[in-house]
Every structure is written in structure tokens, then in C-alpha cells.
Amino acid sequence: MKRYHEERARIRSEHRFHLRYLHHWPKEPVDCECELQAGRFRKKKALDCGKTACLLCHYEKIFGIASFQERLRLLRAKDWLPPNDRE
């Protein structure tokens, strides 16, 4: 798990995206609890509903798109194979 300060750029961009898309910031003032809670967007997408089974928020489940961890796992497994067995 990364430390909070290592993900600061992601936190900032997700928080700004949320404020712009849902609250029309900076054109309109923001009166929401999320205004001062940028860290709540640290490990989720700004428009995520929070349900893991939601196919609109988690479209990679529909199309079978491999996650970053799955792709990394496949690359590491491929590196461990002997040279003749690699694709």
C-alpha cells in the first residue's frame, strides 16, 4: 500500500474532477462534505457509486479488461519461464 503523500497527485486530480463534474466548481460555490475531504478519493474513482457489482462503474468486468495487478502478474510469470517457452 502506498503512503498518502505518494499519491498526492492522484488525490488532487480525482478531487478536482469530482468538484468540477458534480458541483460545477469554480463557477458555483461548493457546499458539500467532500469539499474539504480530498483524501476520500484516494483509492476510488471520483464518479464511483461504491458498489463492486455495478457494471457501469466497473466496466472492465464487462469487457474482461485485465487490471494493472493482473497484467503485472502475467509479466512476472512470463519472465520466470525458460527462453524456449516464452511467447
C-alpha atoms as a PDB file:
ATOM      1  CA  MET A   1       0.000   0.000   0.000  1.00  0.00           C
ATOM      2  CA  LYS A   2       1.299   3.427  -0.883  1.00  0.00           C
ATOM      3  CA  ARG A   3       1.614   6.191   1.642  1.00  0.00           C
ATOM      4  CA  TYR A   4      -0.699   9.173   1.484  1.00  0.00           C
ATOM      5  CA  HIS A   5       1.960  11.625   0.287  1.00  0.00           C
ATOM      6  CA  GLU A   6       3.000   9.311  -2.583  1.00  0.00           C
ATOM      7  CA  GLU A   7      -0.487   9.501  -4.107  1.00  0.00           C
ATOM      8  CA  ARG A   8      -0.972  13.232  -3.685  1.00  0.00           C
ATOM      9  CA  ALA A   9      -1.151  13.957  -7.445  1.00  0.00           C
ATOM     10  CA  ARG A  10      -3.844  11.298  -7.952  1.00  0.00           C
ATOM     11  CA  ILE A  11      -5.798  12.565  -4.951  1.00  0.00           C
ATOM     12  CA  ARG A  12      -5.676  16.123  -6.232  1.00  0.00           C
ATOM     13  CA  SER A  13      -6.769  15.254  -9.757  1.00  0.00           C
ATOM     14  CA  GLU A  14      -9.627  12.955  -8.655  1.00  0.00           C
ATOM     15  CA  HIS A  15     -10.854  15.544  -6.141  1.00  0.00           C
ATOM     16  CA  ARG A  16     -10.808  18.335  -8.723  1.00  0.00           C
ATOM     17  CA  PHE A  17     -12.597  16.135 -11.251  1.00  0.00           C
ATOM     18  CA  HIS A  18     -15.309  15.396  -8.676  1.00  0.00           C
ATOM     19  CA  LEU A  19     -15.715  19.065  -7.780  1.00  0.00           C
ATOM     20  CA  ARG A  20     -15.905  20.129 -11.441  1.00  0.00           C
ATOM     21  CA  TYR A  21     -18.216  17.382 -12.648  1.00  0.00           C
ATOM     22  CA  LEU A  22     -20.686  17.129  -9.766  1.00  0.00           C
ATOM     23  CA  HIS A  23     -20.536  20.560  -8.151  1.00  0.00           C
ATOM     24  CA  HIS A  24     -19.667  22.753 -11.176  1.00  0.00           C
ATOM     25  CA  TRP A  25     -16.709  24.250  -9.349  1.00  0.00           C
ATOM     26  CA  PRO A  26     -15.294  27.005  -9.659  1.00  0.00           C
ATOM     27  CA  LYS A  27     -18.337  28.592 -11.347  1.00  0.00           C
ATOM     28  CA  GLU A  28     -20.578  27.734  -8.408  1.00  0.00           C
ATOM     29  CA  PRO A  29     -19.697  27.518  -4.709  1.00  0.00           C
ATOM     30  CA  VAL A  30     -19.373  24.048  -3.233  1.00  0.00           C
ATOM     31  CA  ASP A  31     -21.471  23.257  -0.166  1.00  0.00           C
ATOM     32  CA  CYS A  32     -20.704  19.596   0.379  1.00  0.00           C
ATOM     33  CA  GLU A  33     -18.751  17.499   2.872  1.00  0.00           C
ATOM     34  CA  CYS A  34     -16.415  16.372   0.083  1.00  0.00           C
ATOM     35  CA  GLU A  35     -15.077  19.914  -0.367  1.00  0.00           C
ATOM     36  CA  LEU A  36     -12.543  19.557   2.433  1.00  0.00           C
ATOM     37  CA  GLN A  37     -12.114  15.773   2.239  1.00  0.00           C
ATOM     38  CA  ALA A  38      -9.789  15.252  -0.690  1.00  0.00           C
ATOM     39  CA  GLY A  39      -8.407  12.037   0.820  1.00  0.00           C
ATOM     40  CA  ARG A  40     -11.707  10.251   0.306  1.00  0.00           C
ATOM     41  CA  PHE A  41     -10.836   9.995  -3.412  1.00  0.00           C
ATOM     42  CA  ARG A  42      -7.521   8.314  -2.729  1.00  0.00           C
ATOM     43  CA  LYS A  43      -8.471   4.768  -3.644  1.00  0.00           C
ATOM     44  CA  LYS A  44     -11.570   5.151  -5.770  1.00  0.00           C
ATOM     45  CA  LYS A  45     -12.738   6.930  -8.882  1.00  0.00           C
ATOM     46  CA  ALA A  46     -14.473  10.271  -8.492  1.00  0.00           C
ATOM     47  CA  LEU A  47     -17.748   9.055 -10.011  1.00  0.00           C
ATOM     48  CA  ASP A  48     -17.733   5.562  -8.489  1.00  0.00           C
ATOM     49  CA  CYS A  49     -21.022   4.594  -6.823  1.00  0.00           C
ATOM     50  CA  GLY A  50     -19.255   2.350  -4.299  1.00  0.00           C
ATOM     51  CA  LYS A  51     -20.927  -0.903  -5.340  1.00  0.00           C
ATOM     52  CA  THR A  52     -18.447  -3.517  -6.518  1.00  0.00           C
ATOM     53  CA  ALA A  53     -21.054  -5.287  -8.660  1.00  0.00           C
ATOM     54  CA  CYS A  54     -22.049  -2.133 -10.571  1.00  0.00           C
ATOM     55  CA  LEU A  55     -21.225  -2.730 -14.225  1.00  0.00           C
ATOM     56  CA  LEU A  56     -21.453   0.960 -15.117  1.00  0.00           C
ATOM     57  CA  CYS A  57     -18.690   1.978 -12.712  1.00  0.00           C
ATOM     58  CA  HIS A  58     -16.629  -1.190 -13.174  1.00  0.00           C
ATOM     59  CA  TYR A  59     -16.830  -1.599 -16.946  1.00  0.00           C
ATOM     60  CA  GLU A  60     -13.638  -3.666 -17.020  1.00  0.00           C
ATOM     61  CA  LYS A  61     -15.699  -6.589 -15.698  1.00  0.00           C
ATOM     62  CA  ILE A  62     -17.953  -6.486 -18.771  1.00  0.00           C
ATOM     63  CA  PHE A  63     -15.172  -6.393 -21.351  1.00  0.00           C
ATOM     64  CA  GLY A  64     -12.748  -8.628 -19.454  1.00  0.00           C
ATOM     65  CA  ILE A  65     -10.042  -5.948 -19.254  1.00  0.00           C
ATOM     66  CA  ALA A  66      -7.175  -7.111 -17.068  1.00  0.00           C
ATOM     67  CA  SER A  67      -6.356  -4.934 -14.086  1.00  0.00           C
ATOM     68  CA  PHE A  68      -2.902  -3.496 -13.504  1.00  0.00           C
ATOM     69  CA  GLN A  69      -2.137  -6.171 -10.919  1.00  0.00           C
ATOM     70  CA  GLU A  70      -3.204  -8.972 -13.255  1.00  0.00           C
ATOM     71  CA  ARG A  71      -1.049  -7.614 -16.095  1.00  0.00           C
ATOM     72  CA  LEU A  72       1.925  -7.261 -13.764  1.00  0.00           C
ATOM     73  CA  ARG A  73       1.411 -10.820 -12.500  1.00  0.00           C
ATOM     74  CA  LEU A  74       1.372 -12.170 -16.068  1.00  0.00           C
ATOM     75  CA  LEU A  75       4.559 -10.300 -16.981  1.00  0.00           C
ATOM     76  CA  ARG A  76       6.345 -11.615 -13.908  1.00  0.00           C
ATOM     77  CA  ALA A  77       5.223 -15.174 -14.669  1.00  0.00           C
ATOM     78  CA  LYS A  78       6.422 -14.806 -18.259  1.00  0.00           C
ATOM     79  CA  ASP A  79       9.851 -13.645 -17.038  1.00  0.00           C
ATOM     80  CA  TRP A  80      10.237 -16.799 -14.954  1.00  0.00           C
ATOM     81  CA  LEU A  81       9.679 -19.134 -17.923  1.00  0.00           C
ATOM     82  CA  PRO A  82      12.665 -20.598 -19.748  1.00  0.00           C
ATOM     83  CA  PRO A  83      13.520 -18.817 -23.052  1.00  0.00           C
ATOM     84  CA  ASN A  84      12.098 -21.645 -25.208  1.00  0.00           C
ATOM     85  CA  ASP A  85       8.649 -21.487 -23.588  1.00  0.00           C
ATOM     86  CA  ARG A  86       8.111 -17.730 -23.905  1.00  0.00           C
ATOM     87  CA  GLU A  87       5.611 -16.413 -26.446  1.00  0.00           C
END
